[in-house]
Amino acid sequence: MNQPKIHAVCATENHQLLVEFENHEKRQYDVKPLLNNEMFANLKNVAFFKNVKVEQGGYAVSWNDDIDISEYELWQNGSIIS
């Protein structure tokens, strides 16, 4: 199954992302497990974390050219919000 593209993203408290996909389904994704990875270390800074945006085409969310999370990861490992 192909996962839908990302429509919108919002950084919430406690290093959580609220992701809305093109099919209007919303999922919550916990970024905390990634923070010990050197690539994601800058996300420990709350102000930086809150600057998340959807990449053009909806294939990922990103913070800069070096830090991103794919729509596949967010779809597969995000918790469905009813």
PDB file of N, CA and C in Angstrom:
ATOM      1  N   MET A   1       0.838  -1.189   0.000  1.00  0.00           N
ATOM      2  CA  MET A   1       0.000   0.000   0.000  1.00  0.00           C
ATOM      3  C   MET A   1       0.876   1.242   0.000  1.00  0.00           C
ATOM      4  N   ASN A   2       0.542   2.166  -0.853  1.00  0.00           N
ATOM      5  CA  ASN A   2       1.239   3.441  -0.860  1.00  0.00           C
ATOM      6  C   ASN A   2       0.647   4.341   0.208  1.00  0.00           C
ATOM      7  N   GLN A   3       1.507   4.954   0.970  1.00  0.00           N
ATOM      8  CA  GLN A   3       1.038   5.876   1.990  1.00  0.00           C
ATOM      9  C   GLN A   3       0.722   7.214   1.343  1.00  0.00           C
ATOM     10  N   PRO A   4      -0.260   7.929   1.876  1.00  0.00           N
ATOM     11  CA  PRO A   4      -0.598   9.236   1.311  1.00  0.00           C
ATOM     12  C   PRO A   4       0.496  10.251   1.618  1.00  0.00           C
ATOM     13  N   LYS A   5       0.534  11.289   0.851  1.00  0.00           N
ATOM     14  CA  LYS A   5       1.496  12.372   1.067  1.00  0.00           C
ATOM     15  C   LYS A   5       1.053  13.222   2.261  1.00  0.00           C
ATOM     16  N   ILE A   6       1.995  13.961   2.796  1.00  0.00           N
ATOM     17  CA  ILE A   6       1.736  14.811   3.956  1.00  0.00           C
ATOM     18  C   ILE A   6       1.088  16.119   3.478  1.00  0.00           C
ATOM     19  N   HIS A   7       0.028  16.497   4.168  1.00  0.00           N
ATOM     20  CA  HIS A   7      -0.659  17.753   3.856  1.00  0.00           C
ATOM     21  C   HIS A   7      -0.216  18.870   4.810  1.00  0.00           C
ATOM     22  N   ALA A   8      -0.092  18.547   6.105  1.00  0.00           N
ATOM     23  CA  ALA A   8       0.261  19.557   7.109  1.00  0.00           C
ATOM     24  C   ALA A   8       0.957  18.892   8.286  1.00  0.00           C
ATOM     25  N   VAL A   9       1.747  19.679   9.016  1.00  0.00           N
ATOM     26  CA  VAL A   9       2.425  19.177  10.208  1.00  0.00           C
ATOM     27  C   VAL A   9       2.463  20.284  11.249  1.00  0.00           C
ATOM     28  N   CYS A  10       2.389  19.864  12.507  1.00  0.00           N
ATOM     29  CA  CYS A  10       2.457  20.794  13.621  1.00  0.00           C
ATOM     30  C   CYS A  10       3.283  20.141  14.728  1.00  0.00           C
ATOM     31  N   ALA A  11       4.246  20.879  15.266  1.00  0.00           N
ATOM     32  CA  ALA A  11       5.018  20.396  16.408  1.00  0.00           C
ATOM     33  C   ALA A  11       4.217  20.686  17.673  1.00  0.00           C
ATOM     34  N   THR A  12       4.035  19.673  18.501  1.00  0.00           N
ATOM     35  CA  THR A  12       3.303  19.842  19.746  1.00  0.00           C
ATOM     36  C   THR A  12       4.253  19.614  20.921  1.00  0.00           C
ATOM     37  N   GLU A  13       3.698  19.617  22.111  1.00  0.00           N
ATOM     38  CA  GLU A  13       4.514  19.462  23.310  1.00  0.00           C
ATOM     39  C   GLU A  13       5.218  18.111  23.356  1.00  0.00           C
ATOM     40  N   ASN A  14       6.307  18.073  24.102  1.00  0.00           N
ATOM     41  CA  ASN A  14       7.011  16.824  24.399  1.00  0.00           C
ATOM     42  C   ASN A  14       7.556  16.121  23.155  1.00  0.00           C
ATOM     43  N   HIS A  15       8.013  16.904  22.181  1.00  0.00           N
ATOM     44  CA  HIS A  15       8.620  16.393  20.952  1.00  0.00           C
ATOM     45  C   HIS A  15       7.698  15.428  20.185  1.00  0.00           C
ATOM     46  N   GLN A  16       6.468  15.857  20.027  1.00  0.00           N
ATOM     47  CA  GLN A  16       5.493  15.118  19.238  1.00  0.00           C
ATOM     48  C   GLN A  16       5.172  15.912  17.982  1.00  0.00           C
ATOM     49  N   LEU A  17       4.905  15.199  16.898  1.00  0.00           N
ATOM     50  CA  LEU A  17       4.430  15.824  15.668  1.00  0.00           C
ATOM     51  C   LEU A  17       3.004  15.385  15.417  1.00  0.00           C
ATOM     52  N   LEU A  18       2.168  16.319  15.049  1.00  0.00           N
ATOM     53  CA  LEU A  18       0.814  16.013  14.603  1.00  0.00           C
ATOM     54  C   LEU A  18       0.836  16.175  13.093  1.00  0.00           C
ATOM     55  N   VAL A  19       0.628  15.066  12.381  1.00  0.00           N
ATOM     56  CA  VAL A  19       0.764  15.049  10.922  1.00  0.00           C
ATOM     57  C   VAL A  19      -0.600  14.769  10.304  1.00  0.00           C
ATOM     58  N   GLU A  20      -1.007  15.618   9.354  1.00  0.00           N
ATOM     59  CA  GLU A  20      -2.234  15.377   8.596  1.00  0.00           C
ATOM     60  C   GLU A  20      -1.828  14.997   7.182  1.00  0.00           C
ATOM     61  N   PHE A  21      -2.393  13.894   6.724  1.00  0.00           N
ATOM     62  CA  PHE A  21      -2.084  13.390   5.393  1.00  0.00           C
ATOM     63  C   PHE A  21      -3.161  13.830   4.405  1.00  0.00           C
ATOM     64  N   GLU A  22      -2.876  13.673   3.116  1.00  0.00           N
ATOM     65  CA  GLU A  22      -3.805  14.117   2.064  1.00  0.00           C
ATOM     66  C   GLU A  22      -5.171  13.439   2.142  1.00  0.00           C
ATOM     67  N   ASN A  23      -5.233  12.248   2.735  1.00  0.00           N
ATOM     68  CA  ASN A  23      -6.520  11.555   2.871  1.00  0.00           C
ATOM     69  C   ASN A  23      -7.274  12.009   4.124  1.00  0.00           C
ATOM     70  N   HIS A  24      -6.795  13.077   4.784  1.00  0.00           N
ATOM     71  CA  HIS A  24      -7.379  13.696   5.976  1.00  0.00           C
ATOM     72  C   HIS A  24      -7.168  12.887   7.251  1.00  0.00           C
ATOM     73  N   GLU A  25      -6.417  11.806   7.174  1.00  0.00           N
ATOM     74  CA  GLU A  25      -6.093  11.049   8.381  1.00  0.00           C
ATOM     75  C   GLU A  25      -4.994  11.778   9.139  1.00  0.00           C
ATOM     76  N   LYS A  26      -5.115  11.785  10.476  1.00  0.00           N
ATOM     77  CA  LYS A  26      -4.113  12.434  11.316  1.00  0.00           C
ATOM     78  C   LYS A  26      -3.393  11.377  12.142  1.00  0.00           C
ATOM     79  N   ARG A  27      -2.089  11.560  12.269  1.00  0.00           N
ATOM     80  CA  ARG A  27      -1.276  10.660  13.080  1.00  0.00           C
ATOM     81  C   ARG A  27      -0.334  11.480  13.948  1.00  0.00           C
ATOM     82  N   GLN A  28      -0.102  10.948  15.147  1.00  0.00           N
ATOM     83  CA  GLN A  28       0.846  11.568  16.061  1.00  0.00           C
ATOM     84  C   GLN A  28       2.128  10.753  16.030  1.00  0.00           C
ATOM     85  N   TYR A  29       3.255  11.445  15.916  1.00  0.00           N
ATOM     86  CA  TYR A  29       4.550  10.779  15.812  1.00  0.00           C
ATOM     87  C   TYR A  29       5.464  11.300  16.910  1.00  0.00           C
ATOM     88  N   ASP A  30       6.018  10.378  17.689  1.00  0.00           N
ATOM     89  CA  ASP A  30       6.910  10.716  18.788  1.00  0.00           C
ATOM     90  C   ASP A  30       8.351  10.788  18.285  1.00  0.00           C
ATOM     91  N   VAL A  31       8.948  11.958  18.337  1.00  0.00           N
ATOM     92  CA  VAL A  31      10.315  12.159  17.851  1.00  0.00           C
ATOM     93  C   VAL A  31      11.354  11.826  18.933  1.00  0.00           C
ATOM     94  N   LYS A  32      10.952  11.733  20.190  1.00  0.00           N
ATOM     95  CA  LYS A  32      11.906  11.515  21.288  1.00  0.00           C
ATOM     96  C   LYS A  32      12.874  10.354  21.062  1.00  0.00           C
ATOM     97  N   PRO A  33      12.459   9.199  20.547  1.00  0.00           N
ATOM     98  CA  PRO A  33      13.424   8.112  20.333  1.00  0.00           C
ATOM     99  C   PRO A  33      14.551   8.463  19.356  1.00  0.00           C
ATOM    100  N   LEU A  34      14.335   9.456  18.507  1.00  0.00           N
ATOM    101  CA  LEU A  34      15.354   9.843  17.526  1.00  0.00           C
ATOM    102  C   LEU A  34      16.387  10.816  18.090  1.00  0.00           C
ATOM    103  N   LEU A  35      16.094  11.432  19.224  1.00  0.00           N
ATOM    104  CA  LEU A  35      16.930  12.520  19.725  1.00  0.00           C
ATOM    105  C   LEU A  35      18.335  12.088  20.116  1.00  0.00           C
ATOM    106  N   ASN A  36      18.554  10.821  20.406  1.00  0.00           N
ATOM    107  CA  ASN A  36      19.899  10.347  20.748  1.00  0.00           C
ATOM    108  C   ASN A  36      20.747  10.082  19.508  1.00  0.00           C
ATOM    109  N   ASN A  37      20.109  10.106  18.344  1.00  0.00           N
ATOM    110  CA  ASN A  37      20.825   9.960  17.075  1.00  0.00           C
ATOM    111  C   ASN A  37      21.450  11.317  16.735  1.00  0.00           C
ATOM    112  N   GLU A  38      22.740  11.320  16.410  1.00  0.00           N
ATOM    113  CA  GLU A  38      23.446  12.575  16.143  1.00  0.00           C
ATOM    114  C   GLU A  38      22.757  13.424  15.084  1.00  0.00           C
ATOM    115  N   MET A  39      22.193  12.778  14.076  1.00  0.00           N
ATOM    116  CA  MET A  39      21.524  13.515  13.002  1.00  0.00           C
ATOM    117  C   MET A  39      20.365  14.368  13.525  1.00  0.00           C
ATOM    118  N   PHE A  40      19.677  13.906  14.564  1.00  0.00           N
ATOM    119  CA  PHE A  40      18.493  14.582  15.085  1.00  0.00           C
ATOM    120  C   PHE A  40      18.760  15.379  16.357  1.00  0.00           C
ATOM    121  N   ALA A  41      20.014  15.473  16.791  1.00  0.00           N
ATOM    122  CA  ALA A  41      20.358  16.112  18.074  1.00  0.00           C
ATOM    123  C   ALA A  41      19.865  17.558  18.163  1.00  0.00           C
ATOM    124  N   ASN A  42      19.885  18.309  17.056  1.00  0.00           N
ATOM    125  CA  ASN A  42      19.431  19.707  17.096  1.00  0.00           C
ATOM    126  C   ASN A  42      17.955  19.840  17.451  1.00  0.00           C
ATOM    127  N   LEU A  43      17.199  18.762  17.293  1.00  0.00           N
ATOM    128  CA  LEU A  43      15.762  18.819  17.618  1.00  0.00           C
ATOM    129  C   LEU A  43      15.504  18.884  19.113  1.00  0.00           C
ATOM    130  N   LYS A  44      16.534  18.680  19.924  1.00  0.00           N
ATOM    131  CA  LYS A  44      16.386  18.840  21.375  1.00  0.00           C
ATOM    132  C   LYS A  44      16.070  20.285  21.723  1.00  0.00           C
ATOM    133  N   ASN A  45      16.490  21.207  20.870  1.00  0.00           N
ATOM    134  CA  ASN A  45      16.185  22.625  21.040  1.00  0.00           C
ATOM    135  C   ASN A  45      14.715  22.828  20.647  1.00  0.00           C
ATOM    136  N   VAL A  46      13.883  23.170  21.620  1.00  0.00           N
ATOM    137  CA  VAL A  46      12.436  23.246  21.398  1.00  0.00           C
ATOM    138  C   VAL A  46      12.077  24.283  20.331  1.00  0.00           C
ATOM    139  N   ALA A  47      12.729  25.432  20.353  1.00  0.00           N
ATOM    140  CA  ALA A  47      12.430  26.469  19.362  1.00  0.00           C
ATOM    141  C   ALA A  47      12.739  25.966  17.949  1.00  0.00           C
ATOM    142  N   PHE A  48      13.856  25.272  17.789  1.00  0.00           N
ATOM    143  CA  PHE A  48      14.217  24.702  16.491  1.00  0.00           C
ATOM    144  C   PHE A  48      13.211  23.622  16.091  1.00  0.00           C
ATOM    145  N   PHE A  49      12.844  22.758  17.031  1.00  0.00           N
ATOM    146  CA  PHE A  49      11.890  21.676  16.765  1.00  0.00           C
ATOM    147  C   PHE A  49      10.561  22.224  16.236  1.00  0.00           C
ATOM    148  N   LYS A  50      10.114  23.342  16.794  1.00  0.00           N
ATOM    149  CA  LYS A  50       8.812  23.903  16.397  1.00  0.00           C
ATOM    150  C   LYS A  50       8.810  24.491  14.991  1.00  0.00           C
ATOM    151  N   ASN A  51       9.971  24.603  14.355  1.00  0.00           N
ATOM    152  CA  ASN A  51      10.056  25.146  12.997  1.00  0.00           C
ATOM    153  C   ASN A  51       9.920  24.081  11.910  1.00  0.00           C
ATOM    154  N   VAL A  52       9.277  22.991  12.222  1.00  0.00           N
ATOM    155  CA  VAL A  52       9.079  21.911  11.257  1.00  0.00           C
ATOM    156  C   VAL A  52       8.179  22.383  10.114  1.00  0.00           C
ATOM    157  N   LYS A  53       8.446  21.870   8.913  1.00  0.00           N
ATOM    158  CA  LYS A  53       7.610  22.214   7.753  1.00  0.00           C
ATOM    159  C   LYS A  53       7.465  20.987   6.858  1.00  0.00           C
ATOM    160  N   VAL A  54       6.458  21.023   6.009  1.00  0.00           N
ATOM    161  CA  VAL A  54       6.236  19.958   5.036  1.00  0.00           C
ATOM    162  C   VAL A  54       7.112  20.239   3.815  1.00  0.00           C
ATOM    163  N   GLU A  55       7.851  19.235   3.384  1.00  0.00           N
ATOM    164  CA  GLU A  55       8.668  19.374   2.180  1.00  0.00           C
ATOM    165  C   GLU A  55       7.764  19.459   0.949  1.00  0.00           C
ATOM    166  N   GLN A  56       8.235  20.150  -0.072  1.00  0.00           N
ATOM    167  CA  GLN A  56       7.471  20.274  -1.313  1.00  0.00           C
ATOM    168  C   GLN A  56       7.139  18.883  -1.850  1.00  0.00           C
ATOM    169  N   GLY A  57       5.896  18.665  -2.210  1.00  0.00           N
ATOM    170  CA  GLY A  57       5.443  17.378  -2.714  1.00  0.00           C
ATOM    171  C   GLY A  57       4.881  16.475  -1.629  1.00  0.00           C
ATOM    172  N   GLY A  58       5.090  16.832  -0.350  1.00  0.00           N
ATOM    173  CA  GLY A  58       4.525  16.056   0.755  1.00  0.00           C
ATOM    174  C   GLY A  58       5.231  14.751   1.048  1.00  0.00           C
ATOM    175  N   TYR A  59       6.503  14.636   0.643  1.00  0.00           N
ATOM    176  CA  TYR A  59       7.231  13.383   0.829  1.00  0.00           C
ATOM    177  C   TYR A  59       7.951  13.291   2.168  1.00  0.00           C
ATOM    178  N   ALA A  60       8.003  14.381   2.911  1.00  0.00           N
ATOM    179  CA  ALA A  60       8.707  14.390   4.194  1.00  0.00           C
ATOM    180  C   ALA A  60       8.354  15.655   4.956  1.00  0.00           C
ATOM    181  N   VAL A  61       8.694  15.657   6.246  1.00  0.00           N
ATOM    182  CA  VAL A  61       8.725  16.885   7.022  1.00  0.00           C
ATOM    183  C   VAL A  61      10.201  17.168   7.283  1.00  0.00           C
ATOM    184  N   SER A  62      10.544  18.455   7.413  1.00  0.00           N
ATOM    185  CA  SER A  62      11.953  18.778   7.614  1.00  0.00           C
ATOM    186  C   SER A  62      12.104  20.018   8.476  1.00  0.00           C
ATOM    187  N   TRP A  63      13.309  20.161   8.969  1.00  0.00           N
ATOM    188  CA  TRP A  63      13.692  21.330   9.758  1.00  0.00           C
ATOM    189  C   TRP A  63      14.751  22.146   9.035  1.00  0.00           C
ATOM    190  N   ASN A  64      15.605  21.475   8.291  1.00  0.00           N
ATOM    191  CA  ASN A  64      16.624  22.127   7.465  1.00  0.00           C
ATOM    192  C   ASN A  64      17.053  21.119   6.397  1.00  0.00           C
ATOM    193  N   ASP A  65      18.129  21.415   5.683  1.00  0.00           N
ATOM    194  CA  ASP A  65      18.565  20.522   4.606  1.00  0.00           C
ATOM    195  C   ASP A  65      19.094  19.186   5.106  1.00  0.00           C
ATOM    196  N   ASP A  66      19.426  19.112   6.395  1.00  0.00           N
ATOM    197  CA  ASP A  66      20.033  17.897   6.939  1.00  0.00           C
ATOM    198  C   ASP A  66      19.093  17.036   7.778  1.00  0.00           C
ATOM    199  N   ILE A  67      17.989  17.598   8.237  1.00  0.00           N
ATOM    200  CA  ILE A  67      17.111  16.867   9.153  1.00  0.00           C
ATOM    201  C   ILE A  67      15.719  16.745   8.551  1.00  0.00           C
ATOM    202  N   ASP A  68      15.300  15.506   8.291  1.00  0.00           N
ATOM    203  CA  ASP A  68      13.955  15.266   7.788  1.00  0.00           C
ATOM    204  C   ASP A  68      13.468  13.884   8.215  1.00  0.00           C
ATOM    205  N   ILE A  69      12.159  13.699   8.115  1.00  0.00           N
ATOM    206  CA  ILE A  69      11.528  12.406   8.397  1.00  0.00           C
ATOM    207  C   ILE A  69      10.551  12.147   7.252  1.00  0.00           C
ATOM    208  N   SER A  70      10.653  10.970   6.658  1.00  0.00           N
ATOM    209  CA  SER A  70       9.856  10.651   5.470  1.00  0.00           C
ATOM    210  C   SER A  70       8.388  10.404   5.789  1.00  0.00           C
ATOM    211  N   GLU A  71       7.568  10.573   4.761  1.00  0.00           N
ATOM    212  CA  GLU A  71       6.134  10.283   4.918  1.00  0.00           C
ATOM    213  C   GLU A  71       5.924   8.813   5.240  1.00  0.00           C
ATOM    214  N   TYR A  72       6.774   7.931   4.731  1.00  0.00           N
ATOM    215  CA  TYR A  72       6.664   6.500   5.027  1.00  0.00           C
ATOM    216  C   TYR A  72       6.833   6.250   6.524  1.00  0.00           C
ATOM    217  N   GLU A  73       7.865   6.813   7.108  1.00  0.00           N
ATOM    218  CA  GLU A  73       8.120   6.643   8.544  1.00  0.00           C
ATOM    219  C   GLU A  73       6.967   7.198   9.377  1.00  0.00           C
ATOM    220  N   LEU A  74       6.508   8.380   9.039  1.00  0.00           N
ATOM    221  CA  LEU A  74       5.422   9.014   9.794  1.00  0.00           C
ATOM    222  C   LEU A  74       4.125   8.217   9.673  1.00  0.00           C
ATOM    223  N   TRP A  75       3.850   7.691   8.487  1.00  0.00           N
ATOM    224  CA  TRP A  75       2.632   6.906   8.248  1.00  0.00           C
ATOM    225  C   TRP A  75       2.695   5.555   8.955  1.00  0.00           C
ATOM    226  N   GLN A  76       3.818   4.876   8.807  1.00  0.00           N
ATOM    227  CA  GLN A  76       3.949   3.527   9.362  1.00  0.00           C
ATOM    228  C   GLN A  76       4.050   3.518  10.887  1.00  0.00           C
ATOM    229  N   ASN A  77       4.713   4.507  11.466  1.00  0.00           N
ATOM    230  CA  ASN A  77       5.002   4.478  12.897  1.00  0.00           C
ATOM    231  C   ASN A  77       4.282   5.554  13.700  1.00  0.00           C
ATOM    232  N   GLY A  78       3.450   6.348  13.055  1.00  0.00           N
ATOM    233  CA  GLY A  78       2.632   7.309  13.780  1.00  0.00           C
ATOM    234  C   GLY A  78       1.397   6.636  14.345  1.00  0.00           C
ATOM    235  N   SER A  79       0.914   7.174  15.442  1.00  0.00           N
ATOM    236  CA  SER A  79      -0.308   6.656  16.073  1.00  0.00           C
ATOM    237  C   SER A  79      -1.517   7.353  15.478  1.00  0.00           C
ATOM    238  N   ILE A  80      -2.505   6.588  15.048  1.00  0.00           N
ATOM    239  CA  ILE A  80      -3.711   7.145  14.453  1.00  0.00           C
ATOM    240  C   ILE A  80      -4.488   7.938  15.499  1.00  0.00           C
ATOM    241  N   ILE A  81      -4.907   9.133  15.110  1.00  0.00           N
ATOM    242  CA  ILE A  81      -5.734   9.966  15.979  1.00  0.00           C
ATOM    243  C   ILE A  81      -7.141   9.935  15.427  1.00  0.00           C
ATOM    244  N   SER A  82      -8.075   9.539  16.269  1.00  0.00           N
ATOM    245  CA  SER A  82      -9.460   9.416  15.791  1.00  0.00           C
ATOM    246  C   SER A  82     -10.221  10.713  15.938  1.00  0.00           C
TER     247      SER A  82
END
